[in-house]
C-alpha atoms as a PDB file:
ATOM      1  CA  UNK A   1      24.325 -26.592 -17.147  1.00  0.00           C
ATOM      2  CA  UNK A   2      26.881 -24.138 -15.885  1.00  0.00           C
ATOM      3  CA  UNK A   3      25.966 -20.745 -14.532  1.00  0.00           C
ATOM      4  CA  UNK A   4      27.958 -17.575 -14.066  1.00  0.00           C
ATOM      5  CA  UNK A   5      27.956 -16.714 -10.361  1.00  0.00           C
ATOM      6  CA  UNK A   6      26.449 -13.292 -11.094  1.00  0.00           C
ATOM      7  CA  UNK A   7      23.593 -14.551 -13.288  1.00  0.00           C
ATOM      8  CA  UNK A   8      20.027 -15.180 -12.104  1.00  0.00           C
ATOM      9  CA  UNK A   9      19.681 -18.948 -11.735  1.00  0.00           C
ATOM     10  CA  UNK A  10      16.281 -20.205 -12.883  1.00  0.00           C
ATOM     11  CA  UNK A  11      14.236 -23.408 -12.400  1.00  0.00           C
ATOM     12  CA  UNK A  12      11.383 -23.869 -14.927  1.00  0.00           C
ATOM     13  CA  UNK A  13       8.467 -26.080 -13.838  1.00  0.00           C
ATOM     14  CA  UNK A  14       5.729 -26.970 -16.348  1.00  0.00           C
ATOM     15  CA  UNK A  15       4.230 -30.223 -17.602  1.00  0.00           C
ATOM     16  CA  UNK A  16       4.344 -29.002 -21.228  1.00  0.00           C
ATOM     17  CA  UNK A  17       7.758 -29.541 -22.813  1.00  0.00           C
ATOM     18  CA  UNK A  18       6.960 -26.936 -25.488  1.00  0.00           C
ATOM     19  CA  UNK A  19       6.510 -24.212 -22.895  1.00  0.00           C
ATOM     20  CA  UNK A  20       9.737 -25.183 -21.137  1.00  0.00           C
ATOM     21  CA  UNK A  21      11.513 -25.014 -24.505  1.00  0.00           C
ATOM     22  CA  UNK A  22      10.091 -21.531 -25.040  1.00  0.00           C
ATOM     23  CA  UNK A  23      11.380 -20.407 -21.632  1.00  0.00           C
ATOM     24  CA  UNK A  24      14.781 -21.986 -22.380  1.00  0.00           C
ATOM     25  CA  UNK A  25      14.999 -20.026 -25.636  1.00  0.00           C
ATOM     26  CA  UNK A  26      14.011 -16.743 -23.969  1.00  0.00           C
ATOM     27  CA  UNK A  27      16.510 -17.173 -21.127  1.00  0.00           C
ATOM     28  CA  UNK A  28      19.314 -18.334 -23.448  1.00  0.00           C
ATOM     29  CA  UNK A  29      19.434 -14.919 -25.061  1.00  0.00           C
ATOM     30  CA  UNK A  30      19.997 -13.096 -21.759  1.00  0.00           C
ATOM     31  CA  UNK A  31      23.486 -12.438 -20.416  1.00  0.00           C
ATOM     32  CA  UNK A  32      22.211 -12.085 -16.825  1.00  0.00           C
ATOM     33  CA  UNK A  33      20.166 -15.331 -16.636  1.00  0.00           C
ATOM     34  CA  UNK A  34      20.828 -19.071 -16.696  1.00  0.00           C
ATOM     35  CA  UNK A  35      18.325 -21.931 -16.727  1.00  0.00           C
ATOM     36  CA  UNK A  36      19.814 -24.403 -14.229  1.00  0.00           C
ATOM     37  CA  UNK A  37      17.047 -27.034 -14.139  1.00  0.00           C
ATOM     38  CA  UNK A  38      13.601 -28.086 -15.370  1.00  0.00           C
ATOM     39  CA  UNK A  39      10.742 -30.124 -13.894  1.00  0.00           C
ATOM     40  CA  UNK A  40       7.440 -31.427 -15.272  1.00  0.00           C
ATOM     41  CA  UNK A  41       5.445 -31.764 -12.023  1.00  0.00           C
ATOM     42  CA  UNK A  42       5.418 -30.597  -8.418  1.00  0.00           C
ATOM     43  CA  UNK A  43       7.378 -33.544  -7.017  1.00  0.00           C
ATOM     44  CA  UNK A  44      10.180 -33.038  -9.516  1.00  0.00           C
ATOM     45  CA  UNK A  45      10.110 -29.313  -8.735  1.00  0.00           C
ATOM     46  CA  UNK A  46      10.798 -29.926  -5.039  1.00  0.00           C
ATOM     47  CA  UNK A  47      13.668 -32.297  -5.859  1.00  0.00           C
ATOM     48  CA  UNK A  48      15.205 -29.908  -8.388  1.00  0.00           C
ATOM     49  CA  UNK A  49      14.866 -26.971  -6.004  1.00  0.00           C
ATOM     50  CA  UNK A  50      16.691 -28.858  -3.247  1.00  0.00           C
ATOM     51  CA  UNK A  51      19.428 -29.850  -5.707  1.00  0.00           C
ATOM     52  CA  UNK A  52      19.983 -26.501  -7.423  1.00  0.00           C
ATOM     53  CA  UNK A  53      18.665 -23.830  -4.991  1.00  0.00           C
ATOM     54  CA  UNK A  54      17.657 -21.504  -7.861  1.00  0.00           C
ATOM     55  CA  UNK A  55      17.265 -17.743  -7.416  1.00  0.00           C
ATOM     56  CA  UNK A  56      13.935 -17.800  -9.273  1.00  0.00           C
ATOM     57  CA  UNK A  57      11.445 -20.638  -9.814  1.00  0.00           C
ATOM     58  CA  UNK A  58       8.868 -20.423 -12.629  1.00  0.00           C
ATOM     59  CA  UNK A  59       5.922 -22.554 -11.473  1.00  0.00           C
ATOM     60  CA  UNK A  60       2.927 -23.809 -13.438  1.00  0.00           C
ATOM     61  CA  UNK A  61      -0.174 -24.476 -11.308  1.00  0.00           C
ATOM     62  CA  UNK A  62      -2.006 -27.286 -13.121  1.00  0.00           C
ATOM     63  CA  UNK A  63       0.289 -30.330 -13.284  1.00  0.00           C
ATOM     64  CA  UNK A  64       0.005 -34.125 -12.792  1.00  0.00           C
ATOM     65  CA  UNK A  65       1.159 -35.970  -9.635  1.00  0.00           C
ATOM     66  CA  UNK A  66       1.505 -32.778  -7.582  1.00  0.00           C
ATOM     67  CA  UNK A  67       0.164 -29.364  -8.565  1.00  0.00           C
ATOM     68  CA  UNK A  68       2.142 -26.147  -8.456  1.00  0.00           C
ATOM     69  CA  UNK A  69       0.371 -24.735  -5.417  1.00  0.00           C
ATOM     70  CA  UNK A  70       1.233 -27.759  -3.244  1.00  0.00           C
ATOM     71  CA  UNK A  71       4.803 -27.748  -4.572  1.00  0.00           C
ATOM     72  CA  UNK A  72       5.132 -24.053  -3.779  1.00  0.00           C
ATOM     73  CA  UNK A  73       3.866 -24.562  -0.216  1.00  0.00           C
ATOM     74  CA  UNK A  74       6.337 -27.461   0.263  1.00  0.00           C
ATOM     75  CA  UNK A  75       9.293 -25.527  -1.183  1.00  0.00           C
ATOM     76  CA  UNK A  76       8.599 -22.394   0.854  1.00  0.00           C
ATOM     77  CA  UNK A  77       8.075 -24.496   3.971  1.00  0.00           C
ATOM     78  CA  UNK A  78      11.633 -25.743   3.559  1.00  0.00           C
ATOM     79  CA  UNK A  79      13.126 -22.624   1.936  1.00  0.00           C
ATOM     80  CA  UNK A  80      11.156 -19.544   3.128  1.00  0.00           C
ATOM     81  CA  UNK A  81      13.237 -17.200   0.964  1.00  0.00           C
ATOM     82  CA  UNK A  82      12.344 -19.032  -2.281  1.00  0.00           C
ATOM     83  CA  UNK A  83      11.246 -16.592  -4.958  1.00  0.00           C
ATOM     84  CA  UNK A  84       8.526 -18.164  -7.067  1.00  0.00           C
ATOM     85  CA  UNK A  85       6.766 -16.761 -10.130  1.00  0.00           C
ATOM     86  CA  UNK A  86       3.498 -18.477 -11.030  1.00  0.00           C
ATOM     87  CA  UNK A  87       2.941 -19.055 -14.764  1.00  0.00           C
ATOM     88  CA  UNK A  88      -0.619 -19.981 -15.663  1.00  0.00           C
ATOM     89  CA  UNK A  89      -3.462 -19.666 -18.146  1.00  0.00           C
ATOM     90  CA  UNK A  90      -5.917 -18.934 -15.308  1.00  0.00           C
ATOM     91  CA  UNK A  91      -6.921 -15.432 -14.181  1.00  0.00           C
ATOM     92  CA  UNK A  92      -9.412 -16.705 -11.559  1.00  0.00           C
ATOM     93  CA  UNK A  93      -9.207 -14.419  -8.525  1.00  0.00           C
ATOM     94  CA  UNK A  94      -9.558 -17.205  -5.936  1.00  0.00           C
ATOM     95  CA  UNK A  95      -6.716 -19.183  -7.494  1.00  0.00           C
ATOM     96  CA  UNK A  96      -4.584 -16.011  -7.661  1.00  0.00           C
ATOM     97  CA  UNK A  97      -5.184 -15.314  -3.971  1.00  0.00           C
ATOM     98  CA  UNK A  98      -4.282 -18.905  -3.045  1.00  0.00           C
ATOM     99  CA  UNK A  99      -0.999 -18.591  -4.936  1.00  0.00           C
ATOM    100  CA  UNK A 100      -0.167 -15.198  -3.404  1.00  0.00           C
ATOM    101  CA  UNK A 101      -1.000 -16.475   0.100  1.00  0.00           C
ATOM    102  CA  UNK A 102       1.277 -19.460  -0.556  1.00  0.00           C
ATOM    103  CA  UNK A 103       4.100 -16.997  -1.185  1.00  0.00           C
ATOM    104  CA  UNK A 104       4.180 -16.397  -4.945  1.00  0.00           C
ATOM    105  CA  UNK A 105       6.126 -13.209  -5.717  1.00  0.00           C
ATOM    106  CA  UNK A 106       4.504 -12.767  -9.132  1.00  0.00           C
ATOM    107  CA  UNK A 107       1.540 -14.129 -11.097  1.00  0.00           C
ATOM    108  CA  UNK A 108       2.036 -14.096 -14.861  1.00  0.00           C
ATOM    109  CA  UNK A 109      -0.279 -15.310 -17.633  1.00  0.00           C
ATOM    110  CA  UNK A 110       1.331 -17.670 -20.125  1.00  0.00           C
ATOM    111  CA  UNK A 111       0.079 -15.687 -23.121  1.00  0.00           C
ATOM    112  CA  UNK A 112       2.241 -12.773 -21.896  1.00  0.00           C
ATOM    113  CA  UNK A 113       5.477 -14.730 -21.469  1.00  0.00           C
ATOM    114  CA  UNK A 114       7.273 -13.293 -24.480  1.00  0.00           C
ATOM    115  CA  UNK A 115       6.319  -9.776 -23.456  1.00  0.00           C
ATOM    116  CA  UNK A 116       6.688  -9.839 -19.684  1.00  0.00           C
ATOM    117  CA  UNK A 117       8.634 -12.890 -18.457  1.00  0.00           C
ATOM    118  CA  UNK A 118      12.176 -11.483 -18.524  1.00  0.00           C
ATOM    119  CA  UNK A 119      11.316  -8.188 -16.840  1.00  0.00           C
ATOM    120  CA  UNK A 120       9.211 -10.078 -14.258  1.00  0.00           C
ATOM    121  CA  UNK A 121      12.174 -12.371 -13.442  1.00  0.00           C
ATOM    122  CA  UNK A 122      14.440  -9.335 -12.970  1.00  0.00           C
ATOM    123  CA  UNK A 123      11.843  -7.513 -10.846  1.00  0.00           C
ATOM    124  CA  UNK A 124      11.282 -10.504  -8.530  1.00  0.00           C
ATOM    125  CA  UNK A 125      15.027 -11.108  -8.269  1.00  0.00           C
ATOM    126  CA  UNK A 126      15.342  -7.472  -7.158  1.00  0.00           C
ATOM    127  CA  UNK A 127      12.824  -8.115  -4.373  1.00  0.00           C
ATOM    128  CA  UNK A 128       9.642  -6.763  -6.001  1.00  0.00           C
ATOM    129  CA  UNK A 129       6.224  -8.391  -6.319  1.00  0.00           C
ATOM    130  CA  UNK A 130       4.158  -8.154  -9.488  1.00  0.00           C
ATOM    131  CA  UNK A 131       0.940  -9.429 -11.103  1.00  0.00           C
ATOM    132  CA  UNK A 132      -0.338  -9.050 -14.670  1.00  0.00           C
ATOM    133  CA  UNK A 133      -2.843  -6.198 -15.224  1.00  0.00           C
ATOM    134  CA  UNK A 134      -5.554  -8.751 -16.153  1.00  0.00           C
ATOM    135  CA  UNK A 135      -4.971 -10.540 -12.859  1.00  0.00           C
ATOM    136  CA  UNK A 136      -5.083  -7.271 -10.903  1.00  0.00           C
ATOM    137  CA  UNK A 137      -8.430  -6.509 -12.551  1.00  0.00           C
ATOM    138  CA  UNK A 138      -9.849  -9.889 -11.499  1.00  0.00           C
ATOM    139  CA  UNK A 139      -8.716  -9.343  -7.906  1.00  0.00           C
ATOM    140  CA  UNK A 140     -10.209  -5.845  -7.796  1.00  0.00           C
ATOM    141  CA  UNK A 141     -13.461  -6.958  -9.400  1.00  0.00           C
ATOM    142  CA  UNK A 142     -14.155  -9.510  -6.653  1.00  0.00           C
ATOM    143  CA  UNK A 143     -12.461  -7.783  -3.702  1.00  0.00           C
ATOM    144  CA  UNK A 144     -15.748  -7.002  -1.951  1.00  0.00           C
ATOM    145  CA  UNK A 145     -17.519 -10.264  -2.839  1.00  0.00           C
ATOM    146  CA  UNK A 146     -18.943 -12.476  -0.099  1.00  0.00           C
ATOM    147  CA  UNK A 147     -16.740 -15.585  -0.079  1.00  0.00           C
ATOM    148  CA  UNK A 148     -18.338 -19.026  -0.255  1.00  0.00           C
ATOM    149  CA  UNK A 149     -18.115 -21.069   2.929  1.00  0.00           C
ATOM    150  CA  UNK A 150     -16.319 -24.466   2.849  1.00  0.00           C
ATOM    151  CA  UNK A 151     -19.741 -26.170   2.953  1.00  0.00           C
ATOM    152  CA  UNK A 152     -20.953 -24.115  -0.028  1.00  0.00           C
ATOM    153  CA  UNK A 153     -17.787 -24.939  -1.972  1.00  0.00           C
ATOM    154  CA  UNK A 154     -18.419 -28.653  -1.367  1.00  0.00           C
ATOM    155  CA  UNK A 155     -21.973 -28.254  -2.701  1.00  0.00           C
ATOM    156  CA  UNK A 156     -20.760 -26.250  -5.713  1.00  0.00           C
ATOM    157  CA  UNK A 157     -18.215 -28.956  -6.539  1.00  0.00           C
ATOM    158  CA  UNK A 158     -20.976 -31.601  -6.454  1.00  0.00           C
ATOM    159  CA  UNK A 159     -23.209 -29.391  -8.626  1.00  0.00           C
ATOM    160  CA  UNK A 160     -20.372 -29.147 -11.171  1.00  0.00           C
ATOM    161  CA  UNK A 161     -20.157 -32.955 -11.166  1.00  0.00           C
ATOM    162  CA  UNK A 162     -23.824 -33.088 -12.235  1.00  0.00           C
ATOM    163  CA  UNK A 163     -25.504 -34.088  -8.959  1.00  0.00           C
ATOM    164  CA  UNK A 164     -29.092 -33.059  -8.171  1.00  0.00           C
ATOM    165  CA  UNK A 165     -30.011 -31.609  -4.748  1.00  0.00           C
ATOM    166  CA  UNK A 166     -31.286 -34.989  -3.512  1.00  0.00           C
ATOM    167  CA  UNK A 167     -28.012 -36.694  -4.506  1.00  0.00           C
ATOM    168  CA  UNK A 168     -25.943 -33.931  -2.893  1.00  0.00           C
ATOM    169  CA  UNK A 169     -27.929 -34.275   0.326  1.00  0.00           C
ATOM    170  CA  UNK A 170     -27.265 -38.041   0.382  1.00  0.00           C
ATOM    171  CA  UNK A 171     -23.554 -37.620  -0.387  1.00  0.00           C
ATOM    172  CA  UNK A 172     -23.060 -35.004   2.346  1.00  0.00           C
ATOM    173  CA  UNK A 173     -25.468 -36.590   4.858  1.00  0.00           C
ATOM    174  CA  UNK A 174     -27.520 -33.396   5.177  1.00  0.00           C
ATOM    175  CA  UNK A 175     -31.178 -32.602   4.429  1.00  0.00           C
ATOM    176  CA  UNK A 176     -32.353 -31.605   0.977  1.00  0.00           C
ATOM    177  CA  UNK A 177     -33.664 -28.347   2.455  1.00  0.00           C
ATOM    178  CA  UNK A 178     -30.174 -27.509   3.708  1.00  0.00           C
ATOM    179  CA  UNK A 179     -28.797 -28.145   0.218  1.00  0.00           C
ATOM    180  CA  UNK A 180     -31.446 -25.884  -1.322  1.00  0.00           C
ATOM    181  CA  UNK A 181     -30.516 -23.116   1.106  1.00  0.00           C
ATOM    182  CA  UNK A 182     -26.834 -23.477   0.265  1.00  0.00           C
ATOM    183  CA  UNK A 183     -27.589 -23.447  -3.475  1.00  0.00           C
ATOM    184  CA  UNK A 184     -29.540 -20.194  -3.020  1.00  0.00           C
ATOM    185  CA  UNK A 185     -26.573 -18.685  -1.161  1.00  0.00           C
ATOM    186  CA  UNK A 186     -24.148 -19.857  -3.856  1.00  0.00           C
ATOM    187  CA  UNK A 187     -26.232 -18.323  -6.676  1.00  0.00           C
ATOM    188  CA  UNK A 188     -26.539 -15.064  -4.761  1.00  0.00           C
ATOM    189  CA  UNK A 189     -22.859 -14.789  -3.814  1.00  0.00           C
ATOM    190  CA  UNK A 190     -21.621 -15.655  -7.315  1.00  0.00           C
ATOM    191  CA  UNK A 191     -24.246 -13.574  -9.120  1.00  0.00           C
ATOM    192  CA  UNK A 192     -25.194 -16.698 -11.056  1.00  0.00           C
ATOM    193  CA  UNK A 193     -28.418 -17.204 -13.029  1.00  0.00           C
ATOM    194  CA  UNK A 194     -28.662 -20.941 -12.337  1.00  0.00           C
ATOM    195  CA  UNK A 195     -26.726 -23.985 -11.138  1.00  0.00           C
ATOM    196  CA  UNK A 196     -24.848 -24.500 -14.422  1.00  0.00           C
ATOM    197  CA  UNK A 197     -23.840 -20.830 -14.501  1.00  0.00           C
ATOM    198  CA  UNK A 198     -22.659 -21.094 -10.873  1.00  0.00           C
ATOM    199  CA  UNK A 199     -20.478 -24.100 -11.721  1.00  0.00           C
ATOM    200  CA  UNK A 200     -18.962 -22.237 -14.691  1.00  0.00           C
ATOM    201  CA  UNK A 201     -18.183 -19.189 -12.521  1.00  0.00           C
ATOM    202  CA  UNK A 202     -16.707 -21.463  -9.838  1.00  0.00           C
ATOM    203  CA  UNK A 203     -14.292 -23.023 -12.340  1.00  0.00           C
ATOM    204  CA  UNK A 204     -13.414 -19.698 -13.990  1.00  0.00           C
ATOM    205  CA  UNK A 205     -12.593 -18.025 -10.686  1.00  0.00           C
ATOM    206  CA  UNK A 206     -10.648 -21.011  -9.380  1.00  0.00           C
ATOM    207  CA  UNK A 207     -13.084 -21.718  -6.522  1.00  0.00           C
ATOM    208  CA  UNK A 208     -13.341 -25.308  -7.738  1.00  0.00           C
ATOM    209  CA  UNK A 209     -11.335 -27.381 -10.216  1.00  0.00           C
ATOM    210  CA  UNK A 210     -13.175 -29.514 -12.731  1.00  0.00           C
END
């Protein structure tokens, strides 16, 4: 793939070939952009970034072998100026914050690609940061929430896997009373009605992956 020296050079990273084809088609119609490389997982993304040094990287989060967040951390560790746009189906505020803390310049929902991708690429290339309105709403909605502690996240993950309090206590080598206390805290902090509801909220917000 050849690129005009003045065009925005793009790396597309997603494990779905159909989505990469969609991005290729969108970019192909733009005189100021060129798709220089593609990757289907985080490891490939790092290799392709080193090889091509793109101006903009479009990064999916949920991928096999290495996820997008780990790939982004690795790329920015080596190339601090890397400009990465996260493309995802997830609006979960915790996942958004992780991506932004890892250095994402923009967070764009895949269902908005046709509408917002090209202008987002140009904005990030110009040095701006941007997130979809739906994502901004999620961040604002939970901005004042009490965050779960690492211990509570471990318990929530085990709840989502279907473990009872007694089983969680055995797995974590803590007392059942301690588990019950943590479950109470989790329900309160997440505004959940019960354990199943808490697990669903945890997945939706990106606190845990399941």
